[in-house]
Amino acid sequence: MSNSPKANFLKNIDDRTQLAGSNRLELLLFTLTGGQQFGINVFKVKEVLNTPEITEISRTHESMIGMIDQRGQTIPILDLSVAIDRPPAKDINRSNTIITEFNESIQGFVVESVDRIIHLAWEEILPPPSAAGSGHHLTAVTKVDGHLVQILDVEQILAEIITPPEYSGDHGRAPQRSDHKAHRILLVDDSAIARKQATSTLDRLGIEYIEAVNGREALNLLESWASSGELVRNPLAMVISDIEMPELDGYTLTRKIREHPALHQLYILLHTSLSGMFNEQMGTKVGANRLIPKWHPEELAQAVLDRIAEIS
């Protein structure tokens, strides 16, 4: 970690784990070309740097600037403005680079400048407006000091540059329940591209699923099914949930399920792009049964089949 003032942006793991299950997050604010302010979850940020010397490489994508050697580790560097279809950074030498870790990969994003970290409740983080359509790079929006801040879907941005793997189908189809019905899963994720990869895997396994786009919607569904007796008549094999979601995050969803008298025994798999031991610790803290990384469809398929084997 740099000794610059920006190093103070990142707190230690013990402090950050206190956010688990509290439905709060830390958001790193930064600006891109044109002065618009954006945000990224601090959990995905490893380091903030004054952009170092970049070694140019053959571009596999127009946003790929090159690479840097950071303490013996080679890290690809992308111009985040270009990645979201904006003009390139004006002055690389005066820019900042946000080193991120998610999807079990490390990459750096060049931004015009880094502002500060703020603390927010997930209730203050809202889905992007429907008028934005499907071609945007946003996962959510919020207001800070009266101004709109766009929270970028860096998973989608990276997926547009590096095509995510698809499930090969080698595991075959999952066995049906004893009543000859397909097993059911509740899939919770605000990212359309992440849901698409997960549902493709579940389709290949022959498993039925219901989709929810955030933790609040998922909890409302579960509570309604519990009160109506639907979960008794047609039980869920498991809940597969993202962690970072507007309105109600996956950690808080897990905690609320564990506190609910009719839901507490549900099997919960946290399916996340967040890397690192502290995320596993937080998953355990709130009562998740298992945590696996996103963009690993073979691992997701095996985790689902392992659970079905337990209840068959």
C-alpha atoms as a PDB file:
ATOM      1  CA  MET A   1       0.000   0.000   0.000  1.00  0.00           C
ATOM      2  CA  SER A   2       1.280   3.439  -0.880  1.00  0.00           C
ATOM      3  CA  ASN A   3       2.291   5.828   1.895  1.00  0.00           C
ATOM      4  CA  SER A   4       0.492   8.715   0.108  1.00  0.00           C
ATOM      5  CA  PRO A   5      -2.591  10.328   1.709  1.00  0.00           C
ATOM      6  CA  LYS A   6      -4.724   8.166  -0.586  1.00  0.00           C
ATOM      7  CA  ALA A   7      -3.498   5.146   1.353  1.00  0.00           C
ATOM      8  CA  ASN A   8      -5.781   6.303   4.157  1.00  0.00           C
ATOM      9  CA  PHE A   9      -8.776   5.523   1.953  1.00  0.00           C
ATOM     10  CA  LEU A  10      -8.482   1.819   2.690  1.00  0.00           C
ATOM     11  CA  LYS A  11      -9.195   0.679   6.211  1.00  0.00           C
ATOM     12  CA  ASN A  12      -7.969  -2.511   7.822  1.00  0.00           C
ATOM     13  CA  ILE A  13      -9.832  -5.777   7.525  1.00  0.00           C
ATOM     14  CA  ASP A  14     -11.093  -5.769  11.112  1.00  0.00           C
ATOM     15  CA  ASP A  15     -12.839  -2.434  10.601  1.00  0.00           C
ATOM     16  CA  ARG A  16     -14.369  -3.493   7.297  1.00  0.00           C
ATOM     17  CA  THR A  17     -15.732  -6.768   8.629  1.00  0.00           C
ATOM     18  CA  GLN A  18     -17.910  -4.746  11.004  1.00  0.00           C
ATOM     19  CA  LEU A  19     -20.040  -3.822   7.970  1.00  0.00           C
ATOM     20  CA  ALA A  20     -21.122  -7.449   7.504  1.00  0.00           C
ATOM     21  CA  GLY A  21     -24.838  -7.849   7.971  1.00  0.00           C
ATOM     22  CA  SER A  22     -25.348  -4.160   8.775  1.00  0.00           C
ATOM     23  CA  ASN A  23     -26.526  -3.301   5.235  1.00  0.00           C
ATOM     24  CA  ARG A  24     -23.864  -0.623   4.904  1.00  0.00           C
ATOM     25  CA  LEU A  25     -20.993  -0.128   2.528  1.00  0.00           C
ATOM     26  CA  GLU A  26     -18.025   2.096   1.829  1.00  0.00           C
ATOM     27  CA  LEU A  27     -18.009   3.729  -1.580  1.00  0.00           C
ATOM     28  CA  LEU A  28     -14.857   5.112  -3.212  1.00  0.00           C
ATOM     29  CA  LEU A  29     -15.761   8.246  -5.199  1.00  0.00           C
ATOM     30  CA  PHE A  30     -13.797   9.271  -8.304  1.00  0.00           C
ATOM     31  CA  THR A  31     -14.221  11.313 -11.474  1.00  0.00           C
ATOM     32  CA  LEU A  32     -13.813  10.362 -15.112  1.00  0.00           C
ATOM     33  CA  THR A  33     -13.403  12.409 -18.282  1.00  0.00           C
ATOM     34  CA  GLY A  34     -15.973  15.194 -18.287  1.00  0.00           C
ATOM     35  CA  GLY A  35     -16.047  15.623 -14.516  1.00  0.00           C
ATOM     36  CA  GLN A  36     -18.887  13.198 -13.760  1.00  0.00           C
ATOM     37  CA  GLN A  37     -18.565  11.492 -10.362  1.00  0.00           C
ATOM     38  CA  PHE A  38     -18.705   7.719 -10.087  1.00  0.00           C
ATOM     39  CA  GLY A  39     -18.325   5.155  -7.316  1.00  0.00           C
ATOM     40  CA  ILE A  40     -17.018   1.668  -6.652  1.00  0.00           C
ATOM     41  CA  ASN A  41     -17.390  -0.545  -3.588  1.00  0.00           C
ATOM     42  CA  VAL A  42     -14.244  -0.295  -1.462  1.00  0.00           C
ATOM     43  CA  PHE A  43     -14.343  -4.069  -0.975  1.00  0.00           C
ATOM     44  CA  LYS A  44     -13.123  -4.341  -4.585  1.00  0.00           C
ATOM     45  CA  VAL A  45     -10.281  -1.858  -4.126  1.00  0.00           C
ATOM     46  CA  LYS A  46      -6.791  -2.979  -3.179  1.00  0.00           C
ATOM     47  CA  GLU A  47      -4.890   0.240  -3.631  1.00  0.00           C
ATOM     48  CA  VAL A  48      -5.090   3.801  -4.958  1.00  0.00           C
ATOM     49  CA  LEU A  49      -2.024   5.168  -6.755  1.00  0.00           C
ATOM     50  CA  ASN A  50      -0.756   8.180  -8.598  1.00  0.00           C
ATOM     51  CA  THR A  51      -0.618   6.516 -11.998  1.00  0.00           C
ATOM     52  CA  PRO A  52       2.893   5.031 -12.359  1.00  0.00           C
ATOM     53  CA  GLU A  53       4.839   4.525 -15.568  1.00  0.00           C
ATOM     54  CA  ILE A  54       2.847   2.215 -17.827  1.00  0.00           C
ATOM     55  CA  THR A  55       4.446  -0.253 -20.230  1.00  0.00           C
ATOM     56  CA  GLU A  56       2.503  -0.348 -23.482  1.00  0.00           C
ATOM     57  CA  ILE A  57       1.400  -3.705 -24.881  1.00  0.00           C
ATOM     58  CA  SER A  58      -0.485  -4.859 -27.960  1.00  0.00           C
ATOM     59  CA  ARG A  59      -4.076  -3.824 -27.288  1.00  0.00           C
ATOM     60  CA  THR A  60      -6.644  -6.579 -27.061  1.00  0.00           C
ATOM     61  CA  HIS A  61      -9.286  -3.939 -26.286  1.00  0.00           C
ATOM     62  CA  GLU A  62      -9.336  -0.199 -26.945  1.00  0.00           C
ATOM     63  CA  SER A  63      -9.483   0.549 -23.207  1.00  0.00           C
ATOM     64  CA  MET A  64      -6.335  -1.474 -22.480  1.00  0.00           C
ATOM     65  CA  ILE A  65      -3.464   0.987 -21.929  1.00  0.00           C
ATOM     66  CA  GLY A  66      -0.735  -1.407 -20.898  1.00  0.00           C
ATOM     67  CA  MET A  67       0.650  -2.894 -17.709  1.00  0.00           C
ATOM     68  CA  ILE A  68       2.613  -1.951 -14.622  1.00  0.00           C
ATOM     69  CA  ASP A  69       4.980  -3.823 -12.342  1.00  0.00           C
ATOM     70  CA  GLN A  70       3.673  -3.302  -8.809  1.00  0.00           C
ATOM     71  CA  ARG A  71       5.924  -4.887  -6.214  1.00  0.00           C
ATOM     72  CA  GLY A  72       6.844  -7.716  -8.570  1.00  0.00           C
ATOM     73  CA  GLN A  73       3.292  -8.305  -9.812  1.00  0.00           C
ATOM     74  CA  THR A  74       2.311  -7.507 -13.393  1.00  0.00           C
ATOM     75  CA  ILE A  75      -1.050  -5.733 -13.461  1.00  0.00           C
ATOM     76  CA  PRO A  76      -3.034  -4.834 -16.602  1.00  0.00           C
ATOM     77  CA  ILE A  77      -4.120  -1.188 -16.746  1.00  0.00           C
ATOM     78  CA  LEU A  78      -7.319   0.033 -18.407  1.00  0.00           C
ATOM     79  CA  ASP A  79      -8.641   3.514 -19.096  1.00  0.00           C
ATOM     80  CA  LEU A  80     -11.994   3.367 -17.307  1.00  0.00           C
ATOM     81  CA  SER A  81     -13.355   6.326 -19.289  1.00  0.00           C
ATOM     82  CA  VAL A  82     -12.781   4.495 -22.581  1.00  0.00           C
ATOM     83  CA  ALA A  83     -14.234   1.280 -21.138  1.00  0.00           C
ATOM     84  CA  ILE A  84     -17.588   3.046 -20.632  1.00  0.00           C
ATOM     85  CA  ASP A  85     -17.509   4.785 -24.027  1.00  0.00           C
ATOM     86  CA  ARG A  86     -16.193   8.169 -22.887  1.00  0.00           C
ATOM     87  CA  PRO A  87     -13.211  10.136 -24.226  1.00  0.00           C
ATOM     88  CA  PRO A  88      -9.862   8.886 -22.900  1.00  0.00           C
ATOM     89  CA  ALA A  89      -8.165  10.323 -19.835  1.00  0.00           C
ATOM     90  CA  LYS A  90      -6.701  13.729 -20.697  1.00  0.00           C
ATOM     91  CA  ASP A  91      -3.389  13.507 -18.846  1.00  0.00           C
ATOM     92  CA  ILE A  92      -2.242  10.059 -17.746  1.00  0.00           C
ATOM     93  CA  ASN A  93       0.696  11.579 -15.861  1.00  0.00           C
ATOM     94  CA  ARG A  94      -1.661  13.484 -13.544  1.00  0.00           C
ATOM     95  CA  SER A  95      -4.279  10.758 -13.218  1.00  0.00           C
ATOM     96  CA  ASN A  96      -4.916   8.199 -10.497  1.00  0.00           C
ATOM     97  CA  THR A  97      -5.083   4.438 -10.849  1.00  0.00           C
ATOM     98  CA  ILE A  98      -7.458   2.320  -8.772  1.00  0.00           C
ATOM     99  CA  ILE A  99      -6.062  -1.190  -8.326  1.00  0.00           C
ATOM    100  CA  THR A 100      -9.016  -3.569  -7.968  1.00  0.00           C
ATOM    101  CA  GLU A 101      -9.441  -7.209  -7.076  1.00  0.00           C
ATOM    102  CA  PHE A 102     -12.606  -9.066  -8.030  1.00  0.00           C
ATOM    103  CA  ASN A 103     -13.553 -12.166 -10.007  1.00  0.00           C
ATOM    104  CA  GLU A 104     -10.250 -13.572  -8.685  1.00  0.00           C
ATOM    105  CA  SER A 105      -8.284 -11.165 -10.883  1.00  0.00           C
ATOM    106  CA  ILE A 106      -6.355  -7.954 -10.298  1.00  0.00           C
ATOM    107  CA  GLN A 107      -6.499  -5.008 -12.673  1.00  0.00           C
ATOM    108  CA  GLY A 108      -5.975  -1.261 -12.546  1.00  0.00           C
ATOM    109  CA  PHE A 109      -8.405   1.403 -13.779  1.00  0.00           C
ATOM    110  CA  VAL A 110      -7.078   4.836 -14.703  1.00  0.00           C
ATOM    111  CA  VAL A 111      -9.416   7.647 -13.571  1.00  0.00           C
ATOM    112  CA  GLU A 112      -9.149  11.426 -13.767  1.00  0.00           C
ATOM    113  CA  SER A 113      -8.986  11.822  -9.989  1.00  0.00           C
ATOM    114  CA  VAL A 114      -9.970  10.091  -6.756  1.00  0.00           C
ATOM    115  CA  ASP A 115     -12.081  12.028  -4.276  1.00  0.00           C
ATOM    116  CA  ARG A 116     -12.821  10.252  -0.995  1.00  0.00           C
ATOM    117  CA  ILE A 117     -14.562   7.320   0.655  1.00  0.00           C
ATOM    118  CA  ILE A 118     -18.062   7.714   2.020  1.00  0.00           C
ATOM    119  CA  HIS A 119     -20.225   5.456   4.189  1.00  0.00           C
ATOM    120  CA  LEU A 120     -23.746   4.722   2.982  1.00  0.00           C
ATOM    121  CA  ALA A 121     -26.607   2.392   3.808  1.00  0.00           C
ATOM    122  CA  TRP A 122     -27.555   0.006   1.015  1.00  0.00           C
ATOM    123  CA  GLU A 123     -31.080   1.450   1.250  1.00  0.00           C
ATOM    124  CA  GLU A 124     -29.585   4.634  -0.201  1.00  0.00           C
ATOM    125  CA  ILE A 125     -28.250   2.697  -3.198  1.00  0.00           C
ATOM    126  CA  LEU A 126     -30.923   2.355  -5.877  1.00  0.00           C
ATOM    127  CA  PRO A 127     -31.108   0.416  -9.155  1.00  0.00           C
ATOM    128  CA  PRO A 128     -30.381   2.450 -12.289  1.00  0.00           C
ATOM    129  CA  PRO A 129     -33.473   4.062 -13.833  1.00  0.00           C
ATOM    130  CA  SER A 130     -35.283   1.882 -16.365  1.00  0.00           C
ATOM    131  CA  ALA A 131     -34.938   4.690 -18.926  1.00  0.00           C
ATOM    132  CA  ALA A 132     -31.190   3.993 -18.955  1.00  0.00           C
ATOM    133  CA  GLY A 133     -31.927   0.869 -21.003  1.00  0.00           C
ATOM    134  CA  SER A 134     -29.723  -2.225 -21.106  1.00  0.00           C
ATOM    135  CA  GLY A 135     -26.600  -0.782 -22.729  1.00  0.00           C
ATOM    136  CA  HIS A 136     -25.306   1.201 -19.765  1.00  0.00           C
ATOM    137  CA  HIS A 137     -22.474   0.234 -17.420  1.00  0.00           C
ATOM    138  CA  LEU A 138     -24.252   1.044 -14.172  1.00  0.00           C
ATOM    139  CA  THR A 139     -25.161  -1.285 -11.363  1.00  0.00           C
ATOM    140  CA  ALA A 140     -26.752   1.386  -9.156  1.00  0.00           C
ATOM    141  CA  VAL A 141     -27.070   5.109  -8.430  1.00  0.00           C
ATOM    142  CA  THR A 142     -27.103   7.212  -5.286  1.00  0.00           C
ATOM    143  CA  LYS A 143     -26.997  10.850  -4.215  1.00  0.00           C
ATOM    144  CA  VAL A 144     -24.037  12.421  -2.418  1.00  0.00           C
ATOM    145  CA  ASP A 145     -24.176  16.046  -1.306  1.00  0.00           C
ATOM    146  CA  GLY A 146     -27.192  16.542  -3.545  1.00  0.00           C
ATOM    147  CA  HIS A 147     -25.430  15.244  -6.676  1.00  0.00           C
ATOM    148  CA  LEU A 148     -26.094  11.995  -8.520  1.00  0.00           C
ATOM    149  CA  VAL A 149     -23.303   9.425  -8.295  1.00  0.00           C
ATOM    150  CA  GLN A 150     -23.257   6.499 -10.704  1.00  0.00           C
ATOM    151  CA  ILE A 151     -21.945   3.199  -9.357  1.00  0.00           C
ATOM    152  CA  LEU A 152     -20.246   1.305 -12.149  1.00  0.00           C
ATOM    153  CA  ASP A 153     -20.795  -2.372 -12.878  1.00  0.00           C
ATOM    154  CA  VAL A 154     -17.109  -3.223 -13.140  1.00  0.00           C
ATOM    155  CA  GLU A 155     -17.991  -6.901 -13.511  1.00  0.00           C
ATOM    156  CA  GLN A 156     -19.837  -6.148 -16.731  1.00  0.00           C
ATOM    157  CA  ILE A 157     -17.042  -3.850 -17.908  1.00  0.00           C
ATOM    158  CA  LEU A 158     -14.462  -6.590 -17.384  1.00  0.00           C
ATOM    159  CA  ALA A 159     -16.742  -9.186 -19.002  1.00  0.00           C
ATOM    160  CA  GLU A 160     -16.911  -7.026 -22.143  1.00  0.00           C
ATOM    161  CA  ILE A 161     -13.115  -7.063 -22.299  1.00  0.00           C
ATOM    162  CA  ILE A 162     -12.513 -10.663 -21.225  1.00  0.00           C
ATOM    163  CA  THR A 163     -15.345 -13.029 -22.191  1.00  0.00           C
ATOM    164  CA  PRO A 164     -16.501 -14.995 -19.119  1.00  0.00           C
ATOM    165  CA  PRO A 165     -16.333 -18.796 -19.364  1.00  0.00           C
ATOM    166  CA  GLU A 166     -19.487 -20.819 -19.949  1.00  0.00           C
ATOM    167  CA  TYR A 167     -20.563 -24.056 -18.281  1.00  0.00           C
ATOM    168  CA  SER A 168     -19.501 -27.077 -20.334  1.00  0.00           C
ATOM    169  CA  GLY A 169     -22.330 -29.300 -19.100  1.00  0.00           C
ATOM    170  CA  ASP A 170     -19.971 -32.140 -18.166  1.00  0.00           C
ATOM    171  CA  HIS A 171     -21.793 -32.761 -14.871  1.00  0.00           C
ATOM    172  CA  GLY A 172     -24.969 -33.854 -16.650  1.00  0.00           C
ATOM    173  CA  ARG A 173     -28.461 -33.032 -15.407  1.00  0.00           C
ATOM    174  CA  ALA A 174     -29.361 -32.944 -11.745  1.00  0.00           C
ATOM    175  CA  PRO A 175     -31.596 -35.728 -10.381  1.00  0.00           C
ATOM    176  CA  GLN A 176     -35.209 -34.819  -9.714  1.00  0.00           C
ATOM    177  CA  ARG A 177     -36.849 -34.744  -6.315  1.00  0.00           C
ATOM    178  CA  SER A 178     -38.536 -37.813  -4.876  1.00  0.00           C
ATOM    179  CA  ASP A 179     -41.882 -36.427  -6.114  1.00  0.00           C
ATOM    180  CA  HIS A 180     -40.390 -36.296  -9.635  1.00  0.00           C
ATOM    181  CA  LYS A 181     -40.368 -32.490  -9.692  1.00  0.00           C
ATOM    182  CA  ALA A 182     -37.266 -30.483 -10.503  1.00  0.00           C
ATOM    183  CA  HIS A 183     -35.395 -28.930  -7.605  1.00  0.00           C
ATOM    184  CA  ARG A 184     -36.052 -25.193  -7.182  1.00  0.00           C
ATOM    185  CA  ILE A 185     -33.531 -22.455  -6.456  1.00  0.00           C
ATOM    186  CA  LEU A 186     -33.948 -18.769  -5.649  1.00  0.00           C
ATOM    187  CA  LEU A 187     -31.281 -16.818  -7.561  1.00  0.00           C
ATOM    188  CA  VAL A 188     -30.588 -13.282  -6.314  1.00  0.00           C
ATOM    189  CA  ASP A 189     -28.344 -10.887  -8.246  1.00  0.00           C
ATOM    190  CA  ASP A 190     -28.648  -7.315  -9.486  1.00  0.00           C
ATOM    191  CA  SER A 191     -26.216  -7.855 -12.375  1.00  0.00           C
ATOM    192  CA  ALA A 192     -27.982  -8.989 -15.552  1.00  0.00           C
ATOM    193  CA  ILE A 193     -24.799 -10.483 -16.993  1.00  0.00           C
ATOM    194  CA  ALA A 194     -24.103 -12.434 -13.788  1.00  0.00           C
ATOM    195  CA  ARG A 195     -27.686 -13.752 -13.693  1.00  0.00           C
ATOM    196  CA  LYS A 196     -27.396 -14.799 -17.328  1.00  0.00           C
ATOM    197  CA  GLN A 197     -24.309 -16.887 -16.658  1.00  0.00           C
ATOM    198  CA  ALA A 198     -25.837 -18.473 -13.543  1.00  0.00           C
ATOM    199  CA  THR A 199     -29.188 -19.240 -15.201  1.00  0.00           C
ATOM    200  CA  SER A 200     -27.392 -20.756 -18.180  1.00  0.00           C
ATOM    201  CA  THR A 201     -25.655 -23.144 -15.781  1.00  0.00           C
ATOM    202  CA  LEU A 202     -28.913 -23.991 -13.976  1.00  0.00           C
ATOM    203  CA  ASP A 203     -30.676 -24.564 -17.309  1.00  0.00           C
ATOM    204  CA  ARG A 204     -27.985 -27.045 -18.334  1.00  0.00           C
ATOM    205  CA  LEU A 205     -28.440 -28.835 -14.999  1.00  0.00           C
ATOM    206  CA  GLY A 206     -32.223 -29.006 -15.494  1.00  0.00           C
ATOM    207  CA  ILE A 207     -33.001 -27.064 -12.322  1.00  0.00           C
ATOM    208  CA  GLU A 208     -35.916 -24.666 -11.911  1.00  0.00           C
ATOM    209  CA  TYR A 209     -35.171 -21.217 -10.560  1.00  0.00           C
ATOM    210  CA  ILE A 210     -36.862 -17.996  -9.568  1.00  0.00           C
ATOM    211  CA  GLU A 211     -34.943 -14.735 -10.064  1.00  0.00           C
ATOM    212  CA  ALA A 212     -34.802 -11.706  -7.783  1.00  0.00           C
ATOM    213  CA  VAL A 213     -32.825  -8.575  -8.625  1.00  0.00           C
ATOM    214  CA  ASN A 214     -31.862  -7.565  -5.077  1.00  0.00           C
ATOM    215  CA  GLY A 215     -31.970  -8.729  -1.487  1.00  0.00           C
ATOM    216  CA  ARG A 216     -35.122  -6.773  -0.650  1.00  0.00           C
ATOM    217  CA  GLU A 217     -37.103  -8.436  -3.438  1.00  0.00           C
ATOM    218  CA  ALA A 218     -35.740 -11.846  -2.427  1.00  0.00           C
ATOM    219  CA  LEU A 219     -36.665 -11.385   1.233  1.00  0.00           C
ATOM    220  CA  ASN A 220     -40.184 -10.260   0.307  1.00  0.00           C
ATOM    221  CA  LEU A 221     -40.609 -13.359  -1.862  1.00  0.00           C
ATOM    222  CA  LEU A 222     -39.338 -15.686   0.849  1.00  0.00           C
ATOM    223  CA  GLU A 223     -41.543 -14.148   3.540  1.00  0.00           C
ATOM    224  CA  SER A 224     -44.621 -14.381   1.311  1.00  0.00           C
ATOM    225  CA  TRP A 225     -43.867 -18.015   0.487  1.00  0.00           C
ATOM    226  CA  ALA A 226     -43.366 -18.774   4.172  1.00  0.00           C
ATOM    227  CA  SER A 227     -46.669 -17.175   5.214  1.00  0.00           C
ATOM    228  CA  SER A 228     -48.640 -18.852   2.418  1.00  0.00           C
ATOM    229  CA  GLY A 229     -47.200 -22.323   3.052  1.00  0.00           C
ATOM    230  CA  GLU A 230     -45.562 -22.401  -0.382  1.00  0.00           C
ATOM    231  CA  LEU A 231     -42.185 -23.339   1.068  1.00  0.00           C
ATOM    232  CA  VAL A 232     -43.749 -26.408   2.699  1.00  0.00           C
ATOM    233  CA  ARG A 233     -45.601 -27.462  -0.452  1.00  0.00           C
ATOM    234  CA  ASN A 234     -42.711 -26.726  -2.792  1.00  0.00           C
ATOM    235  CA  PRO A 235     -39.457 -26.295  -0.850  1.00  0.00           C
ATOM    236  CA  LEU A 236     -36.329 -24.576  -2.111  1.00  0.00           C
ATOM    237  CA  ALA A 237     -33.142 -26.554  -2.532  1.00  0.00           C
ATOM    238  CA  MET A 238     -31.101 -23.430  -1.864  1.00  0.00           C
ATOM    239  CA  VAL A 239     -30.764 -19.671  -2.171  1.00  0.00           C
ATOM    240  CA  ILE A 240     -27.926 -18.427  -4.379  1.00  0.00           C
ATOM    241  CA  SER A 241     -27.231 -14.766  -3.645  1.00  0.00           C
ATOM    242  CA  ASP A 242     -24.861 -12.057  -4.762  1.00  0.00           C
ATOM    243  CA  ILE A 243     -23.416  -9.858  -2.007  1.00  0.00           C
ATOM    244  CA  GLU A 244     -23.332  -6.354  -3.513  1.00  0.00           C
ATOM    245  CA  MET A 245     -26.928  -5.349  -4.272  1.00  0.00           C
ATOM    246  CA  PRO A 246     -29.009  -2.172  -4.029  1.00  0.00           C
ATOM    247  CA  GLU A 247     -31.472  -1.782  -1.163  1.00  0.00           C
ATOM    248  CA  LEU A 248     -30.451  -4.950   0.717  1.00  0.00           C
ATOM    249  CA  ASP A 249     -27.057  -6.637   0.358  1.00  0.00           C
ATOM    250  CA  GLY A 250     -26.406 -10.361   0.424  1.00  0.00           C
ATOM    251  CA  TYR A 251     -24.849 -10.353   3.892  1.00  0.00           C
ATOM    252  CA  THR A 252     -27.902  -8.649   5.372  1.00  0.00           C
ATOM    253  CA  LEU A 253     -30.261 -10.897   3.406  1.00  0.00           C
ATOM    254  CA  THR A 254     -28.472 -13.919   4.888  1.00  0.00           C
ATOM    255  CA  ARG A 255     -28.667 -12.510   8.411  1.00  0.00           C
ATOM    256  CA  LYS A 256     -32.381 -11.747   8.068  1.00  0.00           C
ATOM    257  CA  ILE A 257     -33.079 -15.247   6.759  1.00  0.00           C
ATOM    258  CA  ARG A 258     -31.237 -16.764   9.721  1.00  0.00           C
ATOM    259  CA  GLU A 259     -33.303 -14.606  12.107  1.00  0.00           C
ATOM    260  CA  HIS A 260     -36.645 -15.576  10.545  1.00  0.00           C
ATOM    261  CA  PRO A 261     -38.381 -18.490  12.349  1.00  0.00           C
ATOM    262  CA  ALA A 262     -39.763 -19.987   9.127  1.00  0.00           C
ATOM    263  CA  LEU A 263     -36.709 -19.390   6.930  1.00  0.00           C
ATOM    264  CA  HIS A 264     -33.690 -19.935   9.158  1.00  0.00           C
ATOM    265  CA  GLN A 265     -32.950 -23.452   7.881  1.00  0.00           C
ATOM    266  CA  LEU A 266     -32.625 -22.434   4.222  1.00  0.00           C
ATOM    267  CA  TYR A 267     -29.325 -23.338   2.578  1.00  0.00           C
ATOM    268  CA  ILE A 268     -27.574 -20.150   1.442  1.00  0.00           C
ATOM    269  CA  LEU A 269     -24.766 -20.002  -1.100  1.00  0.00           C
ATOM    270  CA  LEU A 270     -23.144 -16.580  -1.491  1.00  0.00           C
ATOM    271  CA  HIS A 271     -22.029 -16.172  -5.101  1.00  0.00           C
ATOM    272  CA  THR A 272     -19.716 -13.199  -5.306  1.00  0.00           C
ATOM    273  CA  SER A 273     -17.074 -11.397  -7.306  1.00  0.00           C
ATOM    274  CA  LEU A 274     -15.469 -10.179  -4.071  1.00  0.00           C
ATOM    275  CA  SER A 275     -12.139 -11.810  -3.321  1.00  0.00           C
ATOM    276  CA  GLY A 276     -10.187 -12.318  -0.151  1.00  0.00           C
ATOM    277  CA  MET A 277     -10.318 -14.093   3.174  1.00  0.00           C
ATOM    278  CA  PHE A 278     -12.267 -11.286   4.884  1.00  0.00           C
ATOM    279  CA  ASN A 279     -15.275 -11.923   2.612  1.00  0.00           C
ATOM    280  CA  GLU A 280     -15.285 -15.580   3.640  1.00  0.00           C
ATOM    281  CA  GLN A 281     -15.120 -14.468   7.265  1.00  0.00           C
ATOM    282  CA  MET A 282     -18.070 -12.144   6.755  1.00  0.00           C
ATOM    283  CA  GLY A 283     -20.059 -14.891   5.035  1.00  0.00           C
ATOM    284  CA  THR A 284     -19.459 -17.170   8.004  1.00  0.00           C
ATOM    285  CA  LYS A 285     -20.323 -14.377  10.425  1.00  0.00           C
ATOM    286  CA  VAL A 286     -23.808 -13.877   8.970  1.00  0.00           C
ATOM    287  CA  GLY A 287     -24.529 -17.607   8.617  1.00  0.00           C
ATOM    288  CA  ALA A 288     -23.959 -18.480   4.953  1.00  0.00           C
ATOM    289  CA  ASN A 289     -23.468 -22.179   4.267  1.00  0.00           C
ATOM    290  CA  ARG A 290     -20.953 -21.629   1.509  1.00  0.00           C
ATOM    291  CA  LEU A 291     -19.244 -18.888  -0.502  1.00  0.00           C
ATOM    292  CA  ILE A 292     -17.914 -19.362  -4.045  1.00  0.00           C
ATOM    293  CA  PRO A 293     -16.603 -16.924  -6.672  1.00  0.00           C
ATOM    294  CA  LYS A 294     -18.605 -15.717  -9.649  1.00  0.00           C
ATOM    295  CA  TRP A 295     -17.564 -16.431 -13.225  1.00  0.00           C
ATOM    296  CA  HIS A 296     -16.634 -20.013 -12.374  1.00  0.00           C
ATOM    297  CA  PRO A 297     -19.627 -21.894 -13.821  1.00  0.00           C
ATOM    298  CA  GLU A 298     -18.106 -25.338 -13.272  1.00  0.00           C
ATOM    299  CA  GLU A 299     -17.662 -24.576  -9.575  1.00  0.00           C
ATOM    300  CA  LEU A 300     -21.217 -23.233  -9.347  1.00  0.00           C
ATOM    301  CA  ALA A 301     -22.569 -26.373 -11.002  1.00  0.00           C
ATOM    302  CA  GLN A 302     -20.659 -28.606  -8.601  1.00  0.00           C
ATOM    303  CA  ALA A 303     -21.820 -26.594  -5.576  1.00  0.00           C
ATOM    304  CA  VAL A 304     -25.445 -26.946  -6.694  1.00  0.00           C
ATOM    305  CA  LEU A 305     -25.083 -30.676  -7.314  1.00  0.00           C
ATOM    306  CA  ASP A 306     -23.377 -31.148  -3.944  1.00  0.00           C
ATOM    307  CA  ARG A 307     -26.347 -29.506  -2.244  1.00  0.00           C
ATOM    308  CA  ILE A 308     -28.878 -31.565  -4.180  1.00  0.00           C
ATOM    309  CA  ALA A 309     -26.992 -34.739  -3.270  1.00  0.00           C
ATOM    310  CA  GLU A 310     -27.356 -33.782   0.401  1.00  0.00           C
ATOM    311  CA  ILE A 311     -31.151 -33.529   0.218  1.00  0.00           C
ATOM    312  CA  SER A 312     -31.892 -36.342  -2.238  1.00  0.00           C
END
